[in-house]
Amino acid sequence: MKKETFHLGRISDVINAKRAPISAVTKGAGLVFVSGLPPFDLATGELVRGDIRVQTRQCLENLKAALEAAGSSLDKALKVTVLASNCAYWDDINDIYRGYFTREPPARTFITVGSWAQPFDIEMEAVALA
């Protein structure tokens, strides 16, 4: 089996322009892997500003778009990792997250991190069936 990489709108353009050694989305061996995606607007590549609920919604929209770009979907997600700057966001994140995974949600890990190089409070990564 071969590895495939997928372009994810302006997010991939920004990654490439910064010469970061990262692919936003890869697929191989029947699985799709989505790198940690912050709340960047797919159309503009700009950071979406707002409270944790706005940022969470954008991260989930990015995950959805990334999985669909590789021929998968949120319904096929096996594992999601949520990285947040504050564990106090737990309830707000779950309120939004619940709307995207309405039945049989994937396994999930929630990790609190210190900081990122840019001013956002959350990013998400995923592994899904292709």
C-alpha atoms as a PDB file:
ATOM      1  CA  MET A   1       0.000   0.000   0.000  1.00  0.00           C
ATOM      2  CA  LYS A   2       1.142   3.524  -0.655  1.00  0.00           C
ATOM      3  CA  LYS A   3       0.904   6.691   1.384  1.00  0.00           C
ATOM      4  CA  GLU A   4      -1.198   9.553   0.039  1.00  0.00           C
ATOM      5  CA  THR A   5      -1.219  13.166   1.183  1.00  0.00           C
ATOM      6  CA  PHE A   6      -4.066  15.621   0.685  1.00  0.00           C
ATOM      7  CA  HIS A   7      -4.279  19.379   0.263  1.00  0.00           C
ATOM      8  CA  LEU A   8      -6.452  21.089   2.873  1.00  0.00           C
ATOM      9  CA  GLY A   9      -7.203  24.517   1.475  1.00  0.00           C
ATOM     10  CA  ARG A  10      -5.282  27.512   2.753  1.00  0.00           C
ATOM     11  CA  ILE A  11      -4.120  25.528   5.805  1.00  0.00           C
ATOM     12  CA  SER A  12      -1.896  23.404   3.561  1.00  0.00           C
ATOM     13  CA  ASP A  13      -0.758  26.528   1.730  1.00  0.00           C
ATOM     14  CA  VAL A  14       0.320  28.129   5.019  1.00  0.00           C
ATOM     15  CA  ILE A  15       2.120  24.943   6.103  1.00  0.00           C
ATOM     16  CA  ASN A  16       3.957  24.805   2.778  1.00  0.00           C
ATOM     17  CA  ALA A  17       4.854  28.512   2.848  1.00  0.00           C
ATOM     18  CA  LYS A  18       6.377  28.126   6.308  1.00  0.00           C
ATOM     19  CA  ARG A  19       8.274  25.074   5.052  1.00  0.00           C
ATOM     20  CA  ALA A  20       6.985  23.076   8.024  1.00  0.00           C
ATOM     21  CA  PRO A  21       7.685  19.354   7.624  1.00  0.00           C
ATOM     22  CA  ILE A  22       4.006  18.479   8.090  1.00  0.00           C
ATOM     23  CA  SER A  23       1.190  17.074   5.970  1.00  0.00           C
ATOM     24  CA  ALA A  24      -2.251  18.140   7.134  1.00  0.00           C
ATOM     25  CA  VAL A  25      -3.825  14.835   6.050  1.00  0.00           C
ATOM     26  CA  THR A  26      -2.338  11.480   5.084  1.00  0.00           C
ATOM     27  CA  LYS A  27      -3.877   8.140   4.182  1.00  0.00           C
ATOM     28  CA  GLY A  28      -2.474   4.629   4.052  1.00  0.00           C
ATOM     29  CA  ALA A  29      -3.184   1.057   5.114  1.00  0.00           C
ATOM     30  CA  GLY A  30      -6.909   1.802   5.262  1.00  0.00           C
ATOM     31  CA  LEU A  31      -6.513   4.675   7.735  1.00  0.00           C
ATOM     32  CA  VAL A  32      -6.617   8.456   7.539  1.00  0.00           C
ATOM     33  CA  PHE A  33      -4.419  10.559   9.826  1.00  0.00           C
ATOM     34  CA  VAL A  34      -5.198  14.224  10.439  1.00  0.00           C
ATOM     35  CA  SER A  35      -2.483  16.397  11.981  1.00  0.00           C
ATOM     36  CA  GLY A  36      -3.326  18.685  14.860  1.00  0.00           C
ATOM     37  CA  LEU A  37      -5.448  21.419  13.303  1.00  0.00           C
ATOM     38  CA  PRO A  38      -5.928  24.720  15.109  1.00  0.00           C
ATOM     39  CA  PRO A  39      -8.954  26.934  14.458  1.00  0.00           C
ATOM     40  CA  PHE A  40      -7.776  28.278  11.093  1.00  0.00           C
ATOM     41  CA  ASP A  41     -10.283  29.252   8.426  1.00  0.00           C
ATOM     42  CA  LEU A  42      -9.881  26.820   5.514  1.00  0.00           C
ATOM     43  CA  ALA A  43     -10.710  29.474   2.931  1.00  0.00           C
ATOM     44  CA  THR A  44      -8.375  32.215   4.159  1.00  0.00           C
ATOM     45  CA  GLY A  45      -5.772  30.437   6.299  1.00  0.00           C
ATOM     46  CA  GLU A  46      -6.385  33.055   8.987  1.00  0.00           C
ATOM     47  CA  LEU A  47      -6.831  32.212  12.643  1.00  0.00           C
ATOM     48  CA  VAL A  48     -10.495  32.232  13.682  1.00  0.00           C
ATOM     49  CA  ARG A  49     -10.809  34.458  16.729  1.00  0.00           C
ATOM     50  CA  GLY A  50     -13.421  33.941  19.407  1.00  0.00           C
ATOM     51  CA  ASP A  51     -14.142  32.114  22.613  1.00  0.00           C
ATOM     52  CA  ILE A  52     -13.459  28.420  23.106  1.00  0.00           C
ATOM     53  CA  ARG A  53     -16.831  27.457  21.636  1.00  0.00           C
ATOM     54  CA  VAL A  54     -16.097  29.325  18.369  1.00  0.00           C
ATOM     55  CA  GLN A  55     -12.600  27.841  18.228  1.00  0.00           C
ATOM     56  CA  THR A  56     -13.870  24.326  18.967  1.00  0.00           C
ATOM     57  CA  ARG A  57     -16.472  24.534  16.208  1.00  0.00           C
ATOM     58  CA  GLN A  58     -13.813  25.638  13.705  1.00  0.00           C
ATOM     59  CA  CYS A  59     -11.468  22.810  14.747  1.00  0.00           C
ATOM     60  CA  LEU A  60     -14.250  20.279  14.229  1.00  0.00           C
ATOM     61  CA  GLU A  61     -15.122  21.789  10.846  1.00  0.00           C
ATOM     62  CA  ASN A  62     -11.438  21.466   9.928  1.00  0.00           C
ATOM     63  CA  LEU A  63     -11.376  17.810  11.042  1.00  0.00           C
ATOM     64  CA  LYS A  64     -14.502  17.140   9.011  1.00  0.00           C
ATOM     65  CA  ALA A  65     -13.026  18.780   5.904  1.00  0.00           C
ATOM     66  CA  ALA A  66      -9.709  16.971   6.340  1.00  0.00           C
ATOM     67  CA  LEU A  67     -11.360  13.569   6.645  1.00  0.00           C
ATOM     68  CA  GLU A  68     -13.628  14.239   3.670  1.00  0.00           C
ATOM     69  CA  ALA A  69     -10.635  15.351   1.565  1.00  0.00           C
ATOM     70  CA  ALA A  70      -9.195  11.869   2.109  1.00  0.00           C
ATOM     71  CA  GLY A  71     -12.486  10.105   1.354  1.00  0.00           C
ATOM     72  CA  SER A  72     -13.459   9.519   4.984  1.00  0.00           C
ATOM     73  CA  SER A  73     -15.853  11.197   7.411  1.00  0.00           C
ATOM     74  CA  LEU A  74     -16.428  12.020  11.058  1.00  0.00           C
ATOM     75  CA  ASP A  75     -18.561   8.870  11.307  1.00  0.00           C
ATOM     76  CA  LYS A  76     -15.441   6.826  10.512  1.00  0.00           C
ATOM     77  CA  ALA A  77     -13.266   8.532  13.137  1.00  0.00           C
ATOM     78  CA  LEU A  78     -11.639   6.004  15.460  1.00  0.00           C
ATOM     79  CA  LYS A  79      -9.710   8.380  17.725  1.00  0.00           C
ATOM     80  CA  VAL A  80      -9.647  12.123  18.296  1.00  0.00           C
ATOM     81  CA  THR A  81      -7.108  13.972  20.402  1.00  0.00           C
ATOM     82  CA  VAL A  82      -8.151  17.339  21.792  1.00  0.00           C
ATOM     83  CA  LEU A  83      -5.375  19.651  22.932  1.00  0.00           C
ATOM     84  CA  ALA A  84      -6.593  22.647  24.939  1.00  0.00           C
ATOM     85  CA  SER A  85      -4.856  25.444  26.793  1.00  0.00           C
ATOM     86  CA  ASN A  86      -7.105  25.120  29.847  1.00  0.00           C
ATOM     87  CA  CYS A  87      -8.920  22.130  31.363  1.00  0.00           C
ATOM     88  CA  ALA A  88     -11.693  24.522  32.456  1.00  0.00           C
ATOM     89  CA  TYR A  89     -12.841  24.468  28.809  1.00  0.00           C
ATOM     90  CA  TRP A  90     -13.941  20.817  29.198  1.00  0.00           C
ATOM     91  CA  ASP A  91     -17.702  21.481  29.366  1.00  0.00           C
ATOM     92  CA  ASP A  92     -17.776  24.035  26.529  1.00  0.00           C
ATOM     93  CA  ILE A  93     -15.687  21.798  24.281  1.00  0.00           C
ATOM     94  CA  ASN A  94     -17.918  18.815  25.028  1.00  0.00           C
ATOM     95  CA  ASP A  95     -21.071  20.823  24.278  1.00  0.00           C
ATOM     96  CA  ILE A  96     -19.853  21.567  20.744  1.00  0.00           C
ATOM     97  CA  TYR A  97     -18.111  18.201  20.231  1.00  0.00           C
ATOM     98  CA  ARG A  98     -21.289  16.304  21.123  1.00  0.00           C
ATOM     99  CA  GLY A  99     -23.074  17.928  18.164  1.00  0.00           C
ATOM    100  CA  TYR A 100     -20.509  16.522  15.715  1.00  0.00           C
ATOM    101  CA  PHE A 101     -20.386  13.007  17.163  1.00  0.00           C
ATOM    102  CA  THR A 102     -24.045  12.272  17.890  1.00  0.00           C
ATOM    103  CA  ARG A 103     -23.789   8.492  18.067  1.00  0.00           C
ATOM    104  CA  GLU A 104     -20.956   6.067  18.679  1.00  0.00           C
ATOM    105  CA  PRO A 105     -18.335   8.759  19.281  1.00  0.00           C
ATOM    106  CA  PRO A 106     -14.697   7.868  18.671  1.00  0.00           C
ATOM    107  CA  ALA A 107     -12.180   7.191  21.406  1.00  0.00           C
ATOM    108  CA  ARG A 108     -10.786  10.492  22.644  1.00  0.00           C
ATOM    109  CA  THR A 109      -7.923  11.910  24.640  1.00  0.00           C
ATOM    110  CA  PHE A 110      -8.085  15.413  26.153  1.00  0.00           C
ATOM    111  CA  ILE A 111      -4.707  16.981  26.873  1.00  0.00           C
ATOM    112  CA  THR A 112      -4.013  20.340  28.484  1.00  0.00           C
ATOM    113  CA  VAL A 113      -1.010  22.102  26.947  1.00  0.00           C
ATOM    114  CA  GLY A 114       1.031  25.114  27.998  1.00  0.00           C
ATOM    115  CA  SER A 115       0.959  27.264  24.880  1.00  0.00           C
ATOM    116  CA  TRP A 116       1.306  27.435  21.114  1.00  0.00           C
ATOM    117  CA  ALA A 117       3.272  29.740  18.837  1.00  0.00           C
ATOM    118  CA  GLN A 118       0.028  31.511  17.896  1.00  0.00           C
ATOM    119  CA  PRO A 119      -2.889  32.834  19.990  1.00  0.00           C
ATOM    120  CA  PHE A 120      -5.438  30.008  19.980  1.00  0.00           C
ATOM    121  CA  ASP A 121      -6.746  27.754  22.729  1.00  0.00           C
ATOM    122  CA  ILE A 122      -7.444  24.432  21.031  1.00  0.00           C
ATOM    123  CA  GLU A 123      -6.407  22.072  18.258  1.00  0.00           C
ATOM    124  CA  MET A 124      -7.573  18.593  17.306  1.00  0.00           C
ATOM    125  CA  GLU A 125      -6.118  15.606  15.494  1.00  0.00           C
ATOM    126  CA  ALA A 126      -7.765  12.378  14.402  1.00  0.00           C
ATOM    127  CA  VAL A 127      -7.345   8.867  13.059  1.00  0.00           C
ATOM    128  CA  ALA A 128     -10.185   7.427  10.976  1.00  0.00           C
ATOM    129  CA  LEU A 129     -11.024   4.577   8.659  1.00  0.00           C
ATOM    130  CA  ALA A 130     -10.466   5.437   5.007  1.00  0.00           C
END
